[in-house]
Amino acid sequence: LAQSWNDLGARFYALDLRKYGRSLRDGQTPGYVDSLD
């Protein structure tokens, strides 16, 4: 997906949100928020 945008000349960024993936820390409830805001 990233390469497909680079092929068009665009810069590609992806965000691992808090408590997901690269942003998940020990002791945290995975993916949890009480408001999408």
Full PDB file with SEQRES, HELIX, SHEET, SSBOND, CRYST1, ORIGX, SCALE, CONECT and MASTER records, all heavy atoms in Angstrom:
SEQRES   1 A   37  LEU ALA GLN SER TRP ASN ASP LEU GLY ALA ARG PHE TYR          
SEQRES   2 A   37  ALA LEU ASP LEU ARG LYS TYR GLY ARG SER LEU ARG ASP          
SEQRES   3 A   37  GLY GLN THR PRO GLY TYR VAL ASP SER LEU ASP                  
HELIX    1 AA1 ALA A    2  ASN A    6  1                                   5    
HELIX    2 AA2 GLY A   21  SER A   23  5                                   3    
CRYST1    1.000    1.000    1.000  90.00  90.00  90.00 P 1           1          
ORIGX1      1.000000  0.000000  0.000000        0.00000                         
ORIGX2      0.000000  1.000000  0.000000        0.00000                         
ORIGX3      0.000000  0.000000  1.000000        0.00000                         
SCALE1      1.000000  0.000000  0.000000        0.00000                         
SCALE2      0.000000  1.000000  0.000000        0.00000                         
SCALE3      0.000000  0.000000  1.000000        0.00000                         
ATOM      1  N   LEU A   1       0.834  -1.201   0.000  1.00  0.00           N  
ATOM      2  CA  LEU A   1       0.000   0.000   0.000  1.00  0.00           C  
ATOM      3  C   LEU A   1       0.868   1.251   0.000  1.00  0.00           C  
ATOM      4  O   LEU A   1       0.613   2.206  -0.744  1.00  0.00           O  
ATOM      5  CB  LEU A   1      -0.922  -0.012   1.218  1.00  0.00           C  
ATOM      6  CG  LEU A   1      -1.875   1.164   1.380  1.00  0.00           C  
ATOM      7  CD1 LEU A   1      -2.857   1.238   0.223  1.00  0.00           C  
ATOM      8  CD2 LEU A   1      -2.617   1.066   2.716  1.00  0.00           C  
ATOM      9  N   ALA A   2       1.904   1.251   0.827  1.00  0.00           N  
ATOM     10  CA  ALA A   2       2.808   2.399   0.879  1.00  0.00           C  
ATOM     11  C   ALA A   2       3.510   2.600  -0.457  1.00  0.00           C  
ATOM     12  O   ALA A   2       3.598   3.728  -0.971  1.00  0.00           O  
ATOM     13  CB  ALA A   2       3.832   2.193   2.001  1.00  0.00           C  
ATOM     14  N   GLN A   3       3.996   1.511  -1.041  1.00  0.00           N  
ATOM     15  CA  GLN A   3       4.709   1.633  -2.308  1.00  0.00           C  
ATOM     16  C   GLN A   3       3.801   2.143  -3.421  1.00  0.00           C  
ATOM     17  O   GLN A   3       4.242   2.901  -4.302  1.00  0.00           O  
ATOM     18  CB  GLN A   3       5.315   0.291  -2.706  1.00  0.00           C  
ATOM     19  CG  GLN A   3       6.137   0.376  -3.990  1.00  0.00           C  
ATOM     20  CD  GLN A   3       6.839  -0.925  -4.312  1.00  0.00           C  
ATOM     21  OE1 GLN A   3       6.960  -1.805  -3.471  1.00  0.00           O  
ATOM     22  NE2 GLN A   3       7.308  -1.045  -5.553  1.00  0.00           N  
ATOM     23  N   SER A   4       2.517   1.748  -3.389  1.00  0.00           N  
ATOM     24  CA  SER A   4       1.601   2.197  -4.438  1.00  0.00           C  
ATOM     25  C   SER A   4       1.463   3.707  -4.452  1.00  0.00           C  
ATOM     26  O   SER A   4       1.327   4.324  -5.524  1.00  0.00           O  
ATOM     27  CB  SER A   4       0.241   1.530  -4.268  1.00  0.00           C  
ATOM     28  OG  SER A   4      -0.459   2.057  -3.152  1.00  0.00           O  
ATOM     29  N   TRP A   5       1.487   4.324  -3.273  1.00  0.00           N  
ATOM     30  CA  TRP A   5       1.423   5.792  -3.199  1.00  0.00           C  
ATOM     31  C   TRP A   5       2.755   6.421  -3.572  1.00  0.00           C  
ATOM     32  O   TRP A   5       2.785   7.456  -4.252  1.00  0.00           O  
ATOM     33  CB  TRP A   5       0.983   6.220  -1.810  1.00  0.00           C  
ATOM     34  CG  TRP A   5      -0.477   6.012  -1.581  1.00  0.00           C  
ATOM     35  CD1 TRP A   5      -1.074   4.974  -0.932  1.00  0.00           C  
ATOM     36  CD2 TRP A   5      -1.541   6.856  -2.043  1.00  0.00           C  
ATOM     37  NE1 TRP A   5      -2.442   5.116  -0.954  1.00  0.00           N  
ATOM     38  CE2 TRP A   5      -2.755   6.258  -1.624  1.00  0.00           C  
ATOM     39  CE3 TRP A   5      -1.596   8.046  -2.756  1.00  0.00           C  
ATOM     40  CZ2 TRP A   5      -4.000   6.833  -1.906  1.00  0.00           C  
ATOM     41  CZ3 TRP A   5      -2.828   8.613  -3.038  1.00  0.00           C  
ATOM     42  CH2 TRP A   5      -4.013   8.011  -2.614  1.00  0.00           C  
ATOM     43  N   ASN A   6       3.866   5.808  -3.163  1.00  0.00           N  
ATOM     44  CA  ASN A   6       5.172   6.315  -3.571  1.00  0.00           C  
ATOM     45  C   ASN A   6       5.312   6.303  -5.080  1.00  0.00           C  
ATOM     46  O   ASN A   6       5.922   7.215  -5.675  1.00  0.00           O  
ATOM     47  CB  ASN A   6       6.287   5.469  -2.958  1.00  0.00           C  
ATOM     48  CG  ASN A   6       6.503   5.693  -1.478  1.00  0.00           C  
ATOM     49  OD1 ASN A   6       7.232   4.943  -0.838  1.00  0.00           O  
ATOM     50  ND2 ASN A   6       5.876   6.713  -0.900  1.00  0.00           N  
ATOM     51  N   ASP A   7       4.770   5.290  -5.744  1.00  0.00           N  
ATOM     52  CA  ASP A   7       4.851   5.205  -7.207  1.00  0.00           C  
ATOM     53  C   ASP A   7       4.165   6.385  -7.892  1.00  0.00           C  
ATOM     54  O   ASP A   7       4.505   6.733  -9.031  1.00  0.00           O  
ATOM     55  CB  ASP A   7       4.229   3.898  -7.701  1.00  0.00           C  
ATOM     56  CG  ASP A   7       5.062   2.675  -7.358  1.00  0.00           C  
ATOM     57  OD1 ASP A   7       6.244   2.850  -7.003  1.00  0.00           O  
ATOM     58  OD2 ASP A   7       4.524   1.557  -7.421  1.00  0.00           O  
ATOM     59  N   LEU A   8       3.194   7.002  -7.197  1.00  0.00           N  
ATOM     60  CA  LEU A   8       2.519   8.193  -7.719  1.00  0.00           C  
ATOM     61  C   LEU A   8       3.223   9.479  -7.308  1.00  0.00           C  
ATOM     62  O   LEU A   8       2.773  10.570  -7.658  1.00  0.00           O  
ATOM     63  CB  LEU A   8       1.064   8.224  -7.228  1.00  0.00           C  
ATOM     64  CG  LEU A   8       0.164   7.087  -7.725  1.00  0.00           C  
ATOM     65  CD1 LEU A   8      -1.197   7.146  -7.025  1.00  0.00           C  
ATOM     66  CD2 LEU A   8      -0.017   7.166  -9.234  1.00  0.00           C  
ATOM     67  N   GLY A   9       4.309   9.337  -6.560  1.00  0.00           N  
ATOM     68  CA  GLY A   9       5.063  10.506  -6.113  1.00  0.00           C  
ATOM     69  C   GLY A   9       4.695  10.980  -4.717  1.00  0.00           C  
ATOM     70  O   GLY A   9       5.318  11.910  -4.194  1.00  0.00           O  
ATOM     71  N   ALA A  10       3.693  10.378  -4.095  1.00  0.00           N  
ATOM     72  CA  ALA A  10       3.220  10.834  -2.780  1.00  0.00           C  
ATOM     73  C   ALA A  10       4.109  10.292  -1.661  1.00  0.00           C  
ATOM     74  O   ALA A  10       4.660   9.190  -1.759  1.00  0.00           O  
ATOM     75  CB  ALA A  10       1.778  10.391  -2.556  1.00  0.00           C  
ATOM     76  N   ARG A  11       4.217  11.060  -0.598  1.00  0.00           N  
ATOM     77  CA  ARG A  11       4.862  10.591   0.625  1.00  0.00           C  
ATOM     78  C   ARG A  11       3.819   9.823   1.440  1.00  0.00           C  
ATOM     79  O   ARG A  11       2.704  10.307   1.611  1.00  0.00           O  
ATOM     80  CB  ARG A  11       5.427  11.756   1.441  1.00  0.00           C  
ATOM     81  CG  ARG A  11       6.414  12.612   0.653  1.00  0.00           C  
ATOM     82  CD  ARG A  11       7.164  13.598   1.518  1.00  0.00           C  
ATOM     83  NE  ARG A  11       6.293  14.473   2.309  1.00  0.00           N  
ATOM     84  CZ  ARG A  11       6.720  15.578   2.942  1.00  0.00           C  
ATOM     85  NH1 ARG A  11       8.000  15.924   2.871  1.00  0.00           N  
ATOM     86  NH2 ARG A  11       5.867  16.310   3.637  1.00  0.00           N  
ATOM     87  N   PHE A  12       4.193   8.653   1.965  1.00  0.00           N  
ATOM     88  CA  PHE A  12       3.243   7.808   2.687  1.00  0.00           C  
ATOM     89  C   PHE A  12       3.609   7.734   4.159  1.00  0.00           C  
ATOM     90  O   PHE A  12       4.763   7.466   4.516  1.00  0.00           O  
ATOM     91  CB  PHE A  12       3.228   6.396   2.105  1.00  0.00           C  
ATOM     92  CG  PHE A  12       2.241   5.475   2.784  1.00  0.00           C  
ATOM     93  CD1 PHE A  12       0.925   5.397   2.340  1.00  0.00           C  
ATOM     94  CD2 PHE A  12       2.622   4.712   3.877  1.00  0.00           C  
ATOM     95  CE1 PHE A  12       0.017   4.564   2.978  1.00  0.00           C  
ATOM     96  CE2 PHE A  12       1.717   3.881   4.516  1.00  0.00           C  
ATOM     97  CZ  PHE A  12       0.403   3.807   4.062  1.00  0.00           C  
ATOM     98  N   TYR A  13       2.607   7.969   5.009  1.00  0.00           N  
ATOM     99  CA  TYR A  13       2.762   7.863   6.456  1.00  0.00           C  
ATOM    100  C   TYR A  13       1.645   6.985   7.003  1.00  0.00           C  
ATOM    101  O   TYR A  13       0.504   7.049   6.527  1.00  0.00           O  
ATOM    102  CB  TYR A  13       2.682   9.240   7.116  1.00  0.00           C  
ATOM    103  CG  TYR A  13       3.760  10.206   6.682  1.00  0.00           C  
ATOM    104  CD1 TYR A  13       3.603  10.976   5.521  1.00  0.00           C  
ATOM    105  CD2 TYR A  13       4.943  10.345   7.409  1.00  0.00           C  
ATOM    106  CE1 TYR A  13       4.591  11.858   5.112  1.00  0.00           C  
ATOM    107  CE2 TYR A  13       5.935  11.224   6.998  1.00  0.00           C  
ATOM    108  CZ  TYR A  13       5.752  11.978   5.852  1.00  0.00           C  
ATOM    109  OH  TYR A  13       6.732  12.860   5.451  1.00  0.00           O  
ATOM    110  N   ALA A  14       1.956   6.179   8.000  1.00  0.00           N  
ATOM    111  CA  ALA A  14       0.954   5.352   8.674  1.00  0.00           C  
ATOM    112  C   ALA A  14       1.081   5.566  10.170  1.00  0.00           C  
ATOM    113  O   ALA A  14       2.190   5.704  10.699  1.00  0.00           O  
ATOM    114  CB  ALA A  14       1.149   3.881   8.333  1.00  0.00           C  
ATOM    115  N   LEU A  15      -0.060   5.597  10.840  1.00  0.00           N  
ATOM    116  CA  LEU A  15      -0.102   5.895  12.265  1.00  0.00           C  
ATOM    117  C   LEU A  15      -0.583   4.663  13.034  1.00  0.00           C  
ATOM    118  O   LEU A  15      -1.714   4.210  12.841  1.00  0.00           O  
ATOM    119  CB  LEU A  15      -1.049   7.077  12.505  1.00  0.00           C  
ATOM    120  CG  LEU A  15      -1.173   7.625  13.915  1.00  0.00           C  
ATOM    121  CD1 LEU A  15       0.170   8.134  14.432  1.00  0.00           C  
ATOM    122  CD2 LEU A  15      -2.208   8.754  13.945  1.00  0.00           C  
ATOM    123  N   ASP A  16       0.288   4.110  13.872  1.00  0.00           N  
ATOM    124  CA  ASP A  16      -0.157   3.134  14.855  1.00  0.00           C  
ATOM    125  C   ASP A  16      -0.676   3.924  16.053  1.00  0.00           C  
ATOM    126  O   ASP A  16       0.104   4.562  16.776  1.00  0.00           O  
ATOM    127  CB  ASP A  16       0.995   2.224  15.294  1.00  0.00           C  
ATOM    128  CG  ASP A  16       1.217   1.043  14.356  1.00  0.00           C  
ATOM    129  OD1 ASP A  16       0.640   1.039  13.250  1.00  0.00           O  
ATOM    130  OD2 ASP A  16       1.986   0.136  14.728  1.00  0.00           O  
ATOM    131  N   LEU A  17      -1.987   3.907  16.244  1.00  0.00           N  
ATOM    132  CA  LEU A  17      -2.605   4.697  17.300  1.00  0.00           C  
ATOM    133  C   LEU A  17      -2.175   4.216  18.684  1.00  0.00           C  
ATOM    134  O   LEU A  17      -1.623   3.124  18.845  1.00  0.00           O  
ATOM    135  CB  LEU A  17      -4.127   4.609  17.184  1.00  0.00           C  
ATOM    136  CG  LEU A  17      -4.749   5.158  15.902  1.00  0.00           C  
ATOM    137  CD1 LEU A  17      -6.201   4.729  15.791  1.00  0.00           C  
ATOM    138  CD2 LEU A  17      -4.627   6.680  15.837  1.00  0.00           C  
ATOM    139  N   ARG A  18      -2.437   5.030  19.676  1.00  0.00           N  
ATOM    140  CA  ARG A  18      -2.109   4.670  21.060  1.00  0.00           C  
ATOM    141  C   ARG A  18      -2.656   3.276  21.407  1.00  0.00           C  
ATOM    142  O   ARG A  18      -3.764   2.905  21.042  1.00  0.00           O  
ATOM    143  CB  ARG A  18      -2.692   5.701  22.031  1.00  0.00           C  
ATOM    144  CG  ARG A  18      -4.213   5.783  21.986  1.00  0.00           C  
ATOM    145  CD  ARG A  18      -4.757   6.839  22.914  1.00  0.00           C  
ATOM    146  NE  ARG A  18      -4.389   8.183  22.457  1.00  0.00           N  
ATOM    147  CZ  ARG A  18      -4.495   9.266  23.227  1.00  0.00           C  
ATOM    148  NH1 ARG A  18      -4.977   9.180  24.457  1.00  0.00           N  
ATOM    149  NH2 ARG A  18      -4.134  10.442  22.744  1.00  0.00           N  
ATOM    150  N   LYS A  19      -1.812   2.487  22.058  1.00  0.00           N  
ATOM    151  CA  LYS A  19      -2.177   1.157  22.565  1.00  0.00           C  
ATOM    152  C   LYS A  19      -2.467   0.143  21.462  1.00  0.00           C  
ATOM    153  O   LYS A  19      -3.152  -0.856  21.683  1.00  0.00           O  
ATOM    154  CB  LYS A  19      -3.342   1.249  23.560  1.00  0.00           C  
ATOM    155  CG  LYS A  19      -3.054   2.220  24.717  1.00  0.00           C  
ATOM    156  CD  LYS A  19      -4.111   2.236  25.784  1.00  0.00           C  
ATOM    157  CE  LYS A  19      -3.753   3.291  26.842  1.00  0.00           C  
ATOM    158  NZ  LYS A  19      -4.719   3.307  27.967  1.00  0.00           N  
ATOM    159  N   TYR A  20      -1.921   0.419  20.270  1.00  0.00           N  
ATOM    160  CA  TYR A  20      -1.965  -0.522  19.155  1.00  0.00           C  
ATOM    161  C   TYR A  20      -0.547  -0.739  18.633  1.00  0.00           C  
ATOM    162  O   TYR A  20       0.278   0.188  18.605  1.00  0.00           O  
ATOM    163  CB  TYR A  20      -2.769   0.039  17.981  1.00  0.00           C  
ATOM    164  CG  TYR A  20      -4.264   0.028  18.095  1.00  0.00           C  
ATOM    165  CD1 TYR A  20      -4.947   1.128  18.581  1.00  0.00           C  
ATOM    166  CD2 TYR A  20      -5.010  -1.070  17.669  1.00  0.00           C  
ATOM    167  CE1 TYR A  20      -6.329   1.152  18.646  1.00  0.00           C  
ATOM    168  CE2 TYR A  20      -6.399  -1.064  17.725  1.00  0.00           C  
ATOM    169  CZ  TYR A  20      -7.048   0.050  18.212  1.00  0.00           C  
ATOM    170  OH  TYR A  20      -8.422   0.059  18.273  1.00  0.00           O  
ATOM    171  N   GLY A  21      -0.267  -1.942  18.163  1.00  0.00           N  
ATOM    172  CA  GLY A  21       0.939  -2.216  17.405  1.00  0.00           C  
ATOM    173  C   GLY A  21       2.209  -1.696  18.044  1.00  0.00           C  
ATOM    174  O   GLY A  21       2.528  -2.012  19.199  1.00  0.00           O  
ATOM    175  N   ARG A  22       2.945  -0.898  17.310  1.00  0.00           N  
ATOM    176  CA  ARG A  22       4.206  -0.349  17.771  1.00  0.00           C  
ATOM    177  C   ARG A  22       4.033   0.536  19.004  1.00  0.00           C  
ATOM    178  O   ARG A  22       5.009   0.821  19.702  1.00  0.00           O  
ATOM    179  CB  ARG A  22       4.854   0.472  16.643  1.00  0.00           C  
ATOM    180  CG  ARG A  22       5.179  -0.319  15.382  1.00  0.00           C  
ATOM    181  CD  ARG A  22       5.427   0.617  14.216  1.00  0.00           C  
ATOM    182  NE  ARG A  22       5.757  -0.067  12.966  1.00  0.00           N  
ATOM    183  CZ  ARG A  22       4.860  -0.572  12.128  1.00  0.00           C  
ATOM    184  NH1 ARG A  22       3.576  -0.494  12.407  1.00  0.00           N  
ATOM    185  NH2 ARG A  22       5.253  -1.156  10.999  1.00  0.00           N  
ATOM    186  N   SER A  23       2.809   1.011  19.239  1.00  0.00           N  
ATOM    187  CA  SER A  23       2.540   1.948  20.338  1.00  0.00           C  
ATOM    188  C   SER A  23       2.035   1.252  21.603  1.00  0.00           C  
ATOM    189  O   SER A  23       1.834   1.914  22.622  1.00  0.00           O  
ATOM    190  CB  SER A  23       1.494   2.982  19.891  1.00  0.00           C  
ATOM    191  OG  SER A  23       1.875   3.602  18.680  1.00  0.00           O  
ATOM    192  N   LEU A  24       1.831  -0.053  21.552  1.00  0.00           N  
ATOM    193  CA  LEU A  24       1.306  -0.793  22.697  1.00  0.00           C  
ATOM    194  C   LEU A  24       2.415  -1.057  23.698  1.00  0.00           C  
ATOM    195  O   LEU A  24       3.449  -1.627  23.371  1.00  0.00           O  
ATOM    196  CB  LEU A  24       0.692  -2.115  22.215  1.00  0.00           C  
ATOM    197  CG  LEU A  24       0.067  -3.020  23.268  1.00  0.00           C  
ATOM    198  CD1 LEU A  24      -1.065  -2.315  23.996  1.00  0.00           C  
ATOM    199  CD2 LEU A  24      -0.430  -4.314  22.619  1.00  0.00           C  
ATOM    200  N   ARG A  25       2.187  -0.626  24.936  1.00  0.00           N  
ATOM    201  CA  ARG A  25       3.175  -0.789  26.004  1.00  0.00           C  
ATOM    202  C   ARG A  25       2.674  -1.812  27.024  1.00  0.00           C  
ATOM    203  O   ARG A  25       1.476  -2.038  27.174  1.00  0.00           O  
ATOM    204  CB  ARG A  25       3.440   0.552  26.699  1.00  0.00           C  
ATOM    205  CG  ARG A  25       3.982   1.641  25.769  1.00  0.00           C  
ATOM    206  CD  ARG A  25       5.371   1.272  25.251  1.00  0.00           C  
ATOM    207  NE  ARG A  25       5.978   2.316  24.444  1.00  0.00           N  
ATOM    208  CZ  ARG A  25       6.019   2.339  23.126  1.00  0.00           C  
ATOM    209  NH1 ARG A  25       5.430   1.358  22.431  1.00  0.00           N  
ATOM    210  NH2 ARG A  25       6.636   3.312  22.482  1.00  0.00           N  
ATOM    211  N   ASP A  26       3.618  -2.425  27.750  1.00  0.00           N  
ATOM    212  CA  ASP A  26       3.256  -3.402  28.772  1.00  0.00           C  
ATOM    213  C   ASP A  26       2.309  -2.773  29.795  1.00  0.00           C  
ATOM    214  O   ASP A  26       2.505  -1.627  30.212  1.00  0.00           O  
ATOM    215  CB  ASP A  26       4.510  -3.901  29.492  1.00  0.00           C  
ATOM    216  CG  ASP A  26       5.384  -4.775  28.601  1.00  0.00           C  
ATOM    217  OD1 ASP A  26       4.865  -5.295  27.594  1.00  0.00           O  
ATOM    218  OD2 ASP A  26       6.583  -4.926  28.915  1.00  0.00           O  
ATOM    219  N   GLY A  27       1.289  -3.524  30.197  1.00  0.00           N  
ATOM    220  CA  GLY A  27       0.342  -3.054  31.191  1.00  0.00           C  
ATOM    221  C   GLY A  27      -0.818  -2.262  30.630  1.00  0.00           C  
ATOM    222  O   GLY A  27      -1.728  -1.882  31.388  1.00  0.00           O  
ATOM    223  N   GLN A  28      -0.818  -2.012  29.329  1.00  0.00           N  
ATOM    224  CA  GLN A  28      -1.904  -1.252  28.725  1.00  0.00           C  
ATOM    225  C   GLN A  28      -3.003  -2.180  28.198  1.00  0.00           C  
ATOM    226  O   GLN A  28      -2.729  -3.307  27.776  1.00  0.00           O  
ATOM    227  CB  GLN A  28      -1.378  -0.373  27.579  1.00  0.00           C  
ATOM    228  CG  GLN A  28      -0.474   0.753  28.046  1.00  0.00           C  
ATOM    229  CD  GLN A  28       0.005   1.636  26.913  1.00  0.00           C  
ATOM    230  OE1 GLN A  28       0.055   1.209  25.755  1.00  0.00           O  
ATOM    231  NE2 GLN A  28       0.365   2.866  27.233  1.00  0.00           N  
ATOM    232  N   THR A  29      -4.234  -1.693  28.229  1.00  0.00           N  
ATOM    233  CA  THR A  29      -5.371  -2.422  27.661  1.00  0.00           C  
ATOM    234  C   THR A  29      -5.355  -2.220  26.154  1.00  0.00           C  
ATOM    235  O   THR A  29      -5.557  -1.095  25.676  1.00  0.00           O  
ATOM    236  CB  THR A  29      -6.691  -1.906  28.242  1.00  0.00           C  
ATOM    237  OG1 THR A  29      -6.649  -1.991  29.673  1.00  0.00           O  
ATOM    238  CG2 THR A  29      -7.860  -2.721  27.710  1.00  0.00           C  
ATOM    239  N   PRO A  30      -5.093  -3.259  25.354  1.00  0.00           N  
ATOM    240  CA  PRO A  30      -4.909  -3.069  23.906  1.00  0.00           C  
ATOM    241  C   PRO A  30      -6.091  -2.380  23.240  1.00  0.00           C  
ATOM    242  O   PRO A  30      -7.248  -2.785  23.400  1.00  0.00           O  
ATOM    243  CB  PRO A  30      -4.741  -4.497  23.394  1.00  0.00           C  
ATOM    244  CG  PRO A  30      -4.213  -5.268  24.557  1.00  0.00           C  
ATOM    245  CD  PRO A  30      -4.900  -4.675  25.747  1.00  0.00           C  
ATOM    246  N   GLY A  31      -5.797  -1.299  22.519  1.00  0.00           N  
ATOM    247  CA  GLY A  31      -6.790  -0.608  21.707  1.00  0.00           C  
ATOM    248  C   GLY A  31      -7.813   0.209  22.456  1.00  0.00           C  
ATOM    249  O   GLY A  31      -8.692   0.801  21.824  1.00  0.00           O  
ATOM    250  N   TYR A  32      -7.712   0.303  23.775  1.00  0.00           N  
ATOM    251  CA  TYR A  32      -8.820   0.894  24.533  1.00  0.00           C  
ATOM    252  C   TYR A  32      -8.797   2.422  24.557  1.00  0.00           C  
ATOM    253  O   TYR A  32      -7.787   3.039  24.880  1.00  0.00           O  
ATOM    254  CB  TYR A  32      -8.828   0.400  25.979  1.00  0.00           C  
ATOM    255  CG  TYR A  32     -10.037   0.912  26.747  1.00  0.00           C  
ATOM    256  CD1 TYR A  32     -11.278   0.315  26.557  1.00  0.00           C  
ATOM    257  CD2 TYR A  32      -9.943   2.024  27.578  1.00  0.00           C  
ATOM    258  CE1 TYR A  32     -12.401   0.795  27.210  1.00  0.00           C  
ATOM    259  CE2 TYR A  32     -11.061   2.510  28.234  1.00  0.00           C  
ATOM    260  CZ  TYR A  32     -12.289   1.887  28.047  1.00  0.00           C  
ATOM    261  OH  TYR A  32     -13.408   2.374  28.682  1.00  0.00           O  
ATOM    262  N   VAL A  33      -9.920   3.016  24.200  1.00  0.00           N  
ATOM    263  CA  VAL A  33     -10.254   4.416  24.480  1.00  0.00           C  
ATOM    264  C   VAL A  33     -11.741   4.451  24.815  1.00  0.00           C  
ATOM    265  O   VAL A  33     -12.491   3.547  24.427  1.00  0.00           O  
ATOM    266  CB  VAL A  33      -9.972   5.366  23.286  1.00  0.00           C  
ATOM    267  CG1 VAL A  33      -8.490   5.530  23.025  1.00  0.00           C  
ATOM    268  CG2 VAL A  33     -10.705   4.886  22.030  1.00  0.00           C  
ATOM    269  N   ASP A  34     -12.172   5.476  25.539  1.00  0.00           N  
ATOM    270  CA  ASP A  34     -13.609   5.596  25.826  1.00  0.00           C  
ATOM    271  C   ASP A  34     -14.277   6.661  24.966  1.00  0.00           C  
ATOM    272  O   ASP A  34     -15.464   6.928  25.119  1.00  0.00           O  
ATOM    273  CB  ASP A  34     -13.854   5.869  27.309  1.00  0.00           C  
ATOM    274  CG  ASP A  34     -13.193   7.142  27.801  1.00  0.00           C  
ATOM    275  OD1 ASP A  34     -12.704   7.942  26.965  1.00  0.00           O  
ATOM    276  OD2 ASP A  34     -13.154   7.358  29.025  1.00  0.00           O  
ATOM    277  N   SER A  35     -13.522   7.244  24.026  1.00  0.00           N  
ATOM    278  CA  SER A  35     -14.064   8.185  23.052  1.00  0.00           C  
ATOM    279  C   SER A  35     -13.136   8.217  21.850  1.00  0.00           C  
ATOM    280  O   SER A  35     -11.909   8.301  22.012  1.00  0.00           O  
ATOM    281  CB  SER A  35     -14.187   9.590  23.644  1.00  0.00           C  
ATOM    282  OG  SER A  35     -14.505  10.537  22.625  1.00  0.00           O  
ATOM    283  N   LEU A  36     -13.696   8.142  20.650  1.00  0.00           N  
ATOM    284  CA  LEU A  36     -12.865   8.227  19.451  1.00  0.00           C  
ATOM    285  C   LEU A  36     -12.234   9.601  19.300  1.00  0.00           C  
ATOM    286  O   LEU A  36     -11.237   9.750  18.582  1.00  0.00           O  
ATOM    287  CB  LEU A  36     -13.702   7.878  18.212  1.00  0.00           C  
ATOM    288  CG  LEU A  36     -14.278   6.457  18.166  1.00  0.00           C  
ATOM    289  CD1 LEU A  36     -15.031   6.244  16.855  1.00  0.00           C  
ATOM    290  CD2 LEU A  36     -13.191   5.402  18.342  1.00  0.00           C  
ATOM    291  N   ASP A  37     -12.786  10.607  19.981  1.00  0.00           N  
ATOM    292  CA  ASP A  37     -12.184  11.940  19.950  1.00  0.00           C  
ATOM    293  C   ASP A  37     -10.801  11.952  20.596  1.00  0.00           C  
ATOM    294  O   ASP A  37     -10.017  12.875  20.363  1.00  0.00           O  
ATOM    295  CB  ASP A  37     -13.080  12.955  20.659  1.00  0.00           C  
ATOM    296  CG  ASP A  37     -14.395  13.195  19.931  1.00  0.00           C  
ATOM    297  OD1 ASP A  37     -14.576  12.628  18.834  1.00  0.00           O  
ATOM    298  OD2 ASP A  37     -15.241  13.936  20.464  1.00  0.00           O  
TER     299      ASP A  37                                                      
MASTER        0    0    0    2    0    0    0    6  298    1    0    3          
END                                                                             
